[in-house]
Amino acid sequence: MAGHGTVKAINGLATRWAAALPHDGTVLAAAGVWPLLGLLADGAAGPARQELSDALGIPADGAATAARDLLSTLGATRGLGTALGLWTRGTLPVEPAWLDRLPADVHGQLTGDPVSDQVHLDTWAAKCTQGQIDAMPVTVNDETLLVLASALALRTDWIRPFTPGGMEAETGPWRGMNLAGLHRTTSLLNRVGVANTAVGPLTELQVIGTHGIDVHLYLGTPEATTGQVLTAAVGALHDRRAMVPGEHLPYGTPGPGLSVTRVPSVDGEPTLHVSTVPFTVKAHHDLLDHPDLFGLRTATDTSQGHFPGISAKPLAVQAAAQAMTATFGARGFRSAAVTAFAMVAGGIPRHPFRAREISARFDRPFGFLALHRTSRLVLNAGWVSDPDTFEEVSWDW
């Protein structure tokens, strides 16, 4: 997997992006944006180069290599699919040195006919995400000279599937909804834990998937915002000492959605009961809504060119966006993201017959991270505000 510096840089971008999110259900993939910013930074000059480097969290000089290495290692990971695409107009000279730092066989042509070019780009997006994303998130026009895009598709099946059923929220915004529920019981208490964070206690549930790709669910206090919960969640990934595991949690209600009790038991085995909801979250992000976050403030100034390392012809960023979808179900998790830039000129206590029992309920809005288990690279980050109802959910996928 990617080196520690790259993981830290991408997770840093994910944290800053999450902090800027609204409260509605959403999902993002900083790992889809980051390599494109790296390739742009490699070809940029002047203030645009510095701004892109700052957004990346690494020097621009090594950005193209880091971007290519990331795409290569992600693509070699089971359960992940990645693709990079570059399309340019025939009238745009492209610097051979910049092209050489891209993976082989990614360079295609734009005809200059926006309708046929858009169909071609949309087909690429659908093919690279197994149909989960059916269109490129940017629209080309007569002035578009270059499109640079990445696709990231993820699929992981749970080691132990959930049992589907119903669920009822006793309090909060989901109260009274006919919720679809996902339930399971395990003796592995440390799948759940509580971190004390700057925004209060944060409950983490680890859902372990195949191929070393897991999804963690995070429930904060009712007052905590989307950005606060997800920022604290990424922080907790990198500071595991702050996480108190289930077997060491005090009795009572040590964290949001948690109850820890001692109950009569036949065999003294501890149990963790988990209840959550299936969900599908879709999002479209216009990256230019946050130009400073992505280092694109200067790069979008069409009064001059900013990318002499890409082309001798002056270029400026015309559009930048990401389309994303993620689904969490009884058997696993899948997601897809297409990101595109368009450019224009310009220990357990044991007691006989008593056992620790933990109940974890995610029955109000919560955050989630999909991550590579060993490197802690965050592949997706999202927020669930609109769960599936019992009538809406399909269990067969």
Protein backbone atom coordinates (compact mmCIF):
# COMPACT_ATOMS: atom_id res chain seq x y z
CA MET A 1 0.00 0.00 0.00
CA ALA A 2 1.02 3.65 -0.27
CA GLY A 3 3.81 4.99 1.93
CA HIS A 4 3.15 6.54 5.31
CA GLY A 5 3.70 10.07 4.01
CA THR A 6 1.16 9.61 1.22
CA VAL A 7 -1.40 8.02 3.56
CA LYS A 8 -1.01 10.89 6.01
CA ALA A 9 -1.34 13.45 3.21
CA ILE A 10 -4.49 11.87 1.72
CA ASN A 11 -6.12 11.40 5.13
CA GLY A 12 -5.28 15.04 5.89
CA LEU A 13 -7.09 16.13 2.75
CA ALA A 14 -10.04 13.88 3.68
CA THR A 15 -10.18 15.49 7.12
CA ARG A 16 -10.15 19.05 5.77
CA TRP A 17 -12.78 18.16 3.15
CA ALA A 18 -15.02 16.45 5.72
CA ALA A 19 -14.82 19.52 7.94
CA ALA A 20 -16.37 21.57 5.13
CA LEU A 21 -19.30 19.20 4.54
CA PRO A 22 -22.96 20.04 5.13
CA HIS A 23 -25.09 17.94 7.50
CA ASP A 24 -26.90 16.05 4.73
CA GLY A 25 -26.00 12.49 3.77
CA THR A 26 -22.88 12.50 1.64
CA VAL A 27 -19.76 10.56 0.74
CA LEU A 28 -16.36 11.57 -0.59
CA ALA A 29 -13.14 9.97 -1.79
CA ALA A 30 -10.06 12.09 -1.19
CA ALA A 31 -8.08 9.16 -2.58
CA GLY A 32 -9.73 9.87 -5.95
CA VAL A 33 -8.91 13.60 -5.94
CA TRP A 34 -5.38 13.44 -4.53
CA PRO A 35 -3.58 11.73 -7.44
CA LEU A 36 -5.13 14.17 -9.94
CA LEU A 37 -3.98 17.13 -7.86
CA GLY A 38 -0.54 15.51 -7.80
CA LEU A 39 -0.37 15.23 -11.58
CA LEU A 40 -1.57 18.82 -11.97
CA ALA A 41 0.96 20.07 -9.40
CA ASP A 42 3.76 18.35 -11.33
CA GLY A 43 2.90 20.38 -14.43
CA ALA A 44 2.10 23.66 -12.67
CA ALA A 45 4.26 26.72 -12.12
CA GLY A 46 4.18 29.84 -9.96
CA PRO A 47 1.50 30.36 -7.30
CA ALA A 48 -0.67 27.55 -8.71
CA ARG A 49 2.14 25.04 -8.08
CA GLN A 50 2.55 26.17 -4.48
CA GLU A 51 -1.19 26.12 -3.79
CA LEU A 52 -1.56 22.61 -5.21
CA SER A 53 1.46 21.44 -3.20
CA ASP A 54 -0.08 22.87 -0.01
CA ALA A 55 -3.37 21.08 -0.73
CA LEU A 56 -1.55 17.81 -1.42
CA GLY A 57 0.51 17.98 1.76
CA ILE A 58 3.69 17.01 -0.13
CA PRO A 59 6.17 18.92 -2.36
CA ALA A 60 5.10 19.32 -5.98
CA ASP A 61 8.45 17.93 -7.18
CA GLY A 62 7.56 14.39 -6.11
CA ALA A 63 3.81 14.67 -6.64
CA ALA A 64 3.54 12.90 -10.01
CA THR A 65 5.57 9.92 -8.80
CA ALA A 66 3.53 9.70 -5.59
CA ALA A 67 0.29 9.92 -7.60
CA ARG A 68 1.34 7.18 -10.01
CA ASP A 69 2.56 4.95 -7.16
CA LEU A 70 -0.72 5.43 -5.31
CA LEU A 71 -2.82 4.49 -8.34
CA SER A 72 -0.60 1.47 -8.97
CA THR A 73 -0.78 0.16 -5.41
CA LEU A 74 -4.52 0.79 -5.12
CA GLY A 75 -5.09 -1.00 -8.41
CA ALA A 76 -3.09 -3.99 -7.19
CA THR A 77 -5.20 -4.31 -4.04
CA ARG A 78 -7.91 -6.97 -4.18
CA GLY A 79 -11.36 -5.46 -3.88
CA LEU A 80 -10.23 -2.15 -5.40
CA GLY A 81 -10.36 -1.05 -9.01
CA THR A 82 -8.68 2.12 -10.24
CA ALA A 83 -8.36 3.85 -13.57
CA LEU A 84 -6.79 7.05 -14.86
CA GLY A 85 -7.85 8.77 -18.06
CA LEU A 86 -6.43 11.71 -20.01
CA TRP A 87 -8.09 13.14 -23.07
CA THR A 88 -6.78 16.11 -25.06
CA ARG A 89 -7.70 18.01 -28.20
CA GLY A 90 -5.47 17.44 -31.21
CA THR A 91 -4.64 21.14 -31.21
CA LEU A 92 -3.10 20.95 -27.71
CA PRO A 93 0.60 20.04 -27.60
CA VAL A 94 1.32 17.95 -24.51
CA GLU A 95 4.77 17.90 -22.91
CA PRO A 96 6.33 14.43 -23.41
CA ALA A 97 8.06 14.58 -20.00
CA TRP A 98 4.70 15.02 -18.24
CA LEU A 99 3.06 12.27 -20.28
CA ASP A 100 5.92 9.92 -19.42
CA ARG A 101 5.09 10.24 -15.72
CA LEU A 102 1.54 9.00 -16.33
CA PRO A 103 0.71 5.30 -16.51
CA ALA A 104 0.89 3.80 -19.98
CA ASP A 105 -2.11 3.73 -22.32
CA VAL A 106 -4.25 6.36 -20.59
CA HIS A 107 -4.10 9.08 -23.27
CA GLY A 108 -7.12 9.51 -25.54
CA GLN A 109 -8.39 12.22 -27.86
CA LEU A 110 -11.12 14.84 -27.63
CA THR A 111 -12.68 15.42 -31.04
CA GLY A 112 -13.91 18.92 -30.26
CA ASP A 113 -17.55 17.84 -30.68
CA PRO A 114 -18.89 18.22 -27.12
CA VAL A 115 -21.76 15.78 -27.60
CA SER A 116 -19.72 12.85 -28.86
CA ASP A 117 -16.87 13.63 -26.46
CA GLN A 118 -19.28 13.63 -23.50
CA VAL A 119 -20.73 10.27 -24.53
CA HIS A 120 -17.20 8.84 -24.74
CA LEU A 121 -16.26 10.18 -21.30
CA ASP A 122 -19.51 9.01 -19.71
CA THR A 123 -18.98 5.53 -21.15
CA TRP A 124 -15.51 5.44 -19.59
CA ALA A 125 -16.91 6.43 -16.18
CA ALA A 126 -19.58 3.72 -16.30
CA LYS A 127 -17.15 1.04 -17.49
CA CYS A 128 -14.57 1.82 -14.79
CA THR A 129 -17.15 1.69 -11.98
CA GLN A 130 -19.16 -1.32 -13.15
CA GLY A 131 -22.07 1.01 -13.86
CA GLN A 132 -22.23 2.52 -10.38
CA ILE A 133 -21.41 5.98 -11.79
CA ASP A 134 -23.07 6.49 -15.18
CA ALA A 135 -21.63 9.87 -16.17
CA MET A 136 -18.45 11.90 -15.89
CA PRO A 137 -18.90 14.57 -13.19
CA VAL A 138 -17.74 17.37 -15.53
CA THR A 139 -19.35 18.49 -18.79
CA VAL A 140 -17.13 19.34 -21.73
CA ASN A 141 -17.83 22.21 -24.11
CA ASP A 142 -16.30 23.82 -27.20
CA GLU A 143 -13.51 25.33 -25.12
CA THR A 144 -12.41 22.18 -23.31
CA LEU A 145 -8.85 21.26 -24.29
CA LEU A 146 -8.00 18.60 -21.69
CA VAL A 147 -9.81 16.26 -19.31
CA LEU A 148 -7.97 14.36 -16.57
CA ALA A 149 -10.01 11.83 -14.58
CA SER A 150 -9.70 9.03 -12.04
CA ALA A 151 -12.08 6.23 -11.15
CA LEU A 152 -12.02 4.32 -7.86
CA ALA A 153 -14.30 1.33 -7.29
CA LEU A 154 -14.34 -0.59 -4.01
CA ARG A 155 -16.04 -3.80 -2.99
CA THR A 156 -15.62 -5.73 0.22
CA ASP A 157 -17.72 -8.57 1.58
CA TRP A 158 -18.14 -8.90 5.34
CA ILE A 159 -16.26 -11.76 6.97
CA ARG A 160 -19.49 -12.33 8.94
CA PRO A 161 -22.67 -11.03 7.27
CA PHE A 162 -25.36 -9.20 9.18
CA THR A 163 -28.85 -10.58 9.68
CA PRO A 164 -31.39 -8.27 8.04
CA GLY A 165 -34.54 -7.24 9.84
CA GLY A 166 -36.30 -4.16 11.12
CA MET A 167 -35.18 -1.52 13.57
CA GLU A 168 -36.85 1.19 15.59
CA ALA A 169 -35.20 4.39 16.77
CA GLU A 170 -36.45 5.39 20.21
CA THR A 171 -35.16 8.96 19.98
CA GLY A 172 -33.62 11.33 17.45
CA PRO A 173 -34.48 12.25 13.85
CA TRP A 174 -35.17 8.65 12.78
CA ARG A 175 -37.80 8.07 15.47
CA GLY A 176 -41.06 6.78 13.98
CA MET A 177 -39.43 5.65 10.72
CA ASN A 178 -39.94 2.08 9.53
CA LEU A 179 -36.19 1.46 9.38
CA ALA A 180 -34.53 -1.50 7.75
CA GLY A 181 -32.06 -2.95 10.24
CA LEU A 182 -28.88 -4.98 10.20
CA HIS A 183 -28.08 -7.07 13.27
CA ARG A 184 -25.37 -9.39 14.47
CA THR A 185 -23.89 -10.77 17.68
CA THR A 186 -20.25 -11.59 18.29
CA SER A 187 -17.99 -12.47 21.21
CA LEU A 188 -15.32 -10.08 19.87
CA LEU A 189 -15.98 -7.11 22.15
CA ASN A 190 -13.12 -5.05 20.74
CA ARG A 191 -14.92 -4.56 17.44
CA VAL A 192 -16.41 -1.60 19.29
CA GLY A 193 -14.58 1.15 21.16
CA VAL A 194 -14.92 4.69 22.45
CA ALA A 195 -12.52 7.58 21.89
CA ASN A 196 -12.60 10.75 23.93
CA THR A 197 -12.22 13.54 21.38
CA ALA A 198 -12.29 17.32 21.29
CA VAL A 199 -16.01 17.10 20.41
CA GLY A 200 -16.92 14.54 23.06
CA PRO A 201 -17.07 10.74 23.15
CA LEU A 202 -17.03 8.96 19.79
CA THR A 203 -18.21 5.35 19.37
CA GLU A 204 -16.43 3.32 16.70
CA LEU A 205 -17.67 0.01 15.26
CA GLN A 206 -15.27 -1.94 13.06
CA VAL A 207 -16.94 -4.03 10.36
CA ILE A 208 -14.26 -6.33 8.98
CA GLY A 209 -14.25 -7.07 5.28
CA THR A 210 -12.37 -9.32 2.90
CA HIS A 211 -9.09 -8.37 1.20
CA GLY A 212 -8.03 -6.15 4.10
CA ILE A 213 -10.68 -3.50 3.43
CA ASP A 214 -12.89 -2.57 6.38
CA VAL A 215 -15.66 -0.08 7.10
CA HIS A 216 -15.83 1.72 10.44
CA LEU A 217 -19.04 3.35 11.68
CA TYR A 218 -18.83 6.37 13.98
CA LEU A 219 -21.53 7.72 16.29
CA GLY A 220 -20.87 11.02 18.04
CA THR A 221 -22.97 12.97 20.50
CA PRO A 222 -26.29 14.28 19.15
CA GLU A 223 -24.80 17.79 19.07
CA ALA A 224 -21.69 16.87 17.06
CA THR A 225 -21.71 17.97 13.42
CA THR A 226 -20.85 15.91 10.34
CA GLY A 227 -17.45 17.55 10.03
CA GLN A 228 -16.65 17.19 13.72
CA VAL A 229 -17.48 13.47 13.79
CA LEU A 230 -15.54 12.62 10.63
CA THR A 231 -12.55 14.76 11.61
CA ALA A 232 -12.43 13.03 15.00
CA ALA A 233 -12.87 9.64 13.28
CA VAL A 234 -9.81 10.07 11.05
CA GLY A 235 -7.87 11.33 14.07
CA ALA A 236 -8.85 8.21 16.01
CA LEU A 237 -7.53 6.02 13.17
CA HIS A 238 -4.07 7.45 13.67
CA ASP A 239 -4.13 7.57 17.48
CA ARG A 240 -5.32 4.17 18.62
CA ARG A 241 -4.19 4.89 22.20
CA ALA A 242 -7.16 7.25 22.46
CA MET A 243 -9.57 4.36 21.73
CA VAL A 244 -10.84 2.38 24.73
CA PRO A 245 -11.75 -1.09 23.40
CA GLY A 246 -14.99 -2.83 24.29
CA GLU A 247 -13.47 -5.22 26.79
CA HIS A 248 -12.20 -2.28 28.88
CA LEU A 249 -15.27 -0.05 28.69
CA PRO A 250 -16.92 0.77 32.02
CA TYR A 251 -20.43 -0.46 32.74
CA GLY A 252 -23.29 1.84 31.94
CA THR A 253 -23.40 4.06 28.85
CA PRO A 254 -19.72 4.80 28.14
CA GLY A 255 -20.29 6.14 24.63
CA PRO A 256 -22.96 7.23 22.16
CA GLY A 257 -25.34 4.38 21.32
CA LEU A 258 -23.62 2.02 23.78
CA SER A 259 -24.85 0.07 26.76
CA VAL A 260 -22.51 -2.13 28.82
CA THR A 261 -24.05 -4.49 31.39
CA ARG A 262 -23.48 -7.77 33.19
CA VAL A 263 -26.07 -10.42 32.44
CA PRO A 264 -26.71 -14.05 33.43
CA SER A 265 -24.86 -16.36 31.09
CA VAL A 266 -24.74 -20.10 30.48
CA ASP A 267 -21.10 -20.21 29.40
CA GLY A 268 -19.71 -16.87 30.58
CA GLU A 269 -18.93 -15.83 27.00
CA PRO A 270 -19.06 -12.05 26.49
CA THR A 271 -21.29 -10.75 23.71
CA LEU A 272 -21.50 -7.67 21.53
CA HIS A 273 -24.88 -7.02 19.96
CA VAL A 274 -24.76 -4.65 17.00
CA SER A 275 -27.71 -2.95 15.33
CA THR A 276 -27.30 -0.55 12.44
CA VAL A 277 -29.01 0.39 9.20
CA PRO A 278 -28.29 -0.37 5.56
CA PHE A 279 -27.77 2.71 3.44
CA THR A 280 -26.97 4.07 0.03
CA VAL A 281 -25.42 7.52 -0.15
CA LYS A 282 -24.83 9.46 -3.36
CA ALA A 283 -23.04 12.76 -3.80
CA HIS A 284 -21.83 15.19 -6.44
CA HIS A 285 -19.08 17.53 -5.30
CA ASP A 286 -18.07 20.64 -7.22
CA LEU A 287 -14.47 20.99 -6.08
CA LEU A 288 -14.44 24.62 -7.19
CA ASP A 289 -16.90 25.39 -4.38
CA HIS A 290 -13.83 25.01 -2.13
CA PRO A 291 -10.93 26.25 -4.32
CA ASP A 292 -8.56 26.88 -1.41
CA LEU A 293 -9.14 23.41 0.05
CA PHE A 294 -7.99 21.79 -3.20
CA GLY A 295 -5.32 24.35 -4.13
CA LEU A 296 -7.26 25.55 -7.16
CA ARG A 297 -7.64 29.28 -6.45
CA THR A 298 -4.96 30.46 -8.86
CA ALA A 299 -5.30 27.51 -11.24
CA THR A 300 -8.83 28.61 -12.23
CA ASP A 301 -7.72 32.12 -13.25
CA THR A 302 -8.23 31.99 -17.02
CA SER A 303 -6.45 35.29 -17.61
CA GLN A 304 -3.18 33.35 -17.86
CA GLY A 305 -1.77 29.84 -18.06
CA HIS A 306 -0.54 27.92 -15.01
CA PHE A 307 0.65 24.56 -16.35
CA PRO A 308 3.71 24.96 -18.58
CA GLY A 309 4.83 21.49 -17.55
CA ILE A 310 1.72 20.03 -19.18
CA SER A 311 1.57 22.12 -22.36
CA ALA A 312 3.34 25.05 -23.97
CA LYS A 313 -0.15 26.38 -24.64
CA PRO A 314 -1.50 28.33 -21.62
CA LEU A 315 -3.96 26.24 -19.61
CA ALA A 316 -6.31 26.93 -16.69
CA VAL A 317 -8.74 24.70 -14.80
CA GLN A 318 -12.27 24.99 -16.23
CA ALA A 319 -14.11 22.51 -13.99
CA ALA A 320 -13.34 20.03 -11.22
CA ALA A 321 -15.86 17.64 -9.68
CA GLN A 322 -16.42 14.23 -8.11
CA ALA A 323 -19.42 11.90 -8.41
CA MET A 324 -19.67 9.24 -5.72
CA THR A 325 -21.93 6.48 -4.47
CA ALA A 326 -21.62 4.06 -1.55
CA THR A 327 -23.84 1.19 -0.37
CA PHE A 328 -23.64 -0.62 2.99
CA GLY A 329 -25.66 -3.83 3.19
CA ALA A 330 -26.05 -7.14 5.00
CA ARG A 331 -23.28 -8.83 3.02
CA GLY A 332 -20.82 -6.07 2.31
CA PHE A 333 -19.95 -2.60 1.12
CA ARG A 334 -19.37 -1.20 -2.33
CA SER A 335 -18.60 2.25 -3.58
CA ALA A 336 -17.44 4.11 -6.65
CA ALA A 337 -16.03 7.55 -7.27
CA VAL A 338 -15.18 9.33 -10.50
CA THR A 339 -13.20 12.55 -10.19
CA ALA A 340 -12.44 14.76 -13.16
CA PHE A 341 -10.70 18.01 -14.02
CA ALA A 342 -11.42 19.83 -17.26
CA MET A 343 -8.99 22.44 -18.51
CA VAL A 344 -9.29 25.32 -20.93
CA ALA A 345 -6.83 27.81 -22.43
CA GLY A 346 -6.00 30.38 -20.07
CA GLY A 347 -8.42 -8.18 28.77
CA ILE A 348 -12.13 -9.43 29.63
CA PRO A 349 -13.37 -9.67 33.28
CA ARG A 350 -14.65 -13.24 33.88
CA HIS A 351 -17.27 -14.13 36.49
CA PRO A 352 -18.94 -17.51 36.92
CA PHE A 353 -22.31 -17.38 35.22
CA ARG A 354 -22.01 -13.65 34.59
CA ALA A 355 -20.84 -12.10 31.34
CA ARG A 356 -20.20 -8.70 29.88
CA GLU A 357 -22.76 -7.70 27.32
CA ILE A 358 -22.42 -4.67 25.08
CA SER A 359 -25.18 -3.29 22.92
CA ALA A 360 -24.26 -0.87 20.14
CA ARG A 361 -27.05 0.92 18.25
CA PHE A 362 -26.54 3.22 15.30
CA ASP A 363 -30.09 4.55 15.19
CA ARG A 364 -29.45 8.21 14.37
CA PRO A 365 -27.20 9.99 11.85
CA PHE A 366 -23.63 8.66 11.89
CA GLY A 367 -20.38 8.79 9.98
CA PHE A 368 -18.39 6.08 8.25
CA LEU A 369 -14.91 5.49 6.88
CA ALA A 370 -13.91 2.77 4.42
CA LEU A 371 -10.23 2.07 4.81
CA HIS A 372 -7.31 -0.14 3.94
CA ARG A 373 -6.75 -2.03 7.20
CA THR A 374 -2.96 -2.12 7.44
CA SER A 375 -2.02 1.31 6.06
CA ARG A 376 -5.06 3.13 7.53
CA LEU A 377 -5.59 4.87 4.18
CA VAL A 378 -9.12 6.31 4.12
CA LEU A 379 -10.70 5.31 0.81
CA ASN A 380 -14.16 6.81 1.48
CA ALA A 381 -15.58 9.05 4.19
CA GLY A 382 -19.28 9.73 4.52
CA TRP A 383 -22.30 10.63 6.58
CA VAL A 384 -25.63 8.79 6.82
CA SER A 385 -28.64 11.03 7.42
CA ASP A 386 -31.25 9.22 5.32
CA PRO A 387 -31.15 5.45 5.98
CA ASP A 388 -33.02 2.84 3.98
CA THR A 389 -36.55 2.10 5.11
CA PHE A 390 -37.81 -1.45 5.30
CA GLU A 391 -39.74 -1.10 2.04
CA GLU A 392 -36.82 0.38 0.08
CA VAL A 393 -34.04 -2.05 0.80
CA SER A 394 -33.02 -4.92 -1.46
CA TRP A 395 -30.89 -7.60 0.19
CA ASP A 396 -29.69 -9.24 -3.02
CA TRP A 397 -26.44 -7.84 -4.33
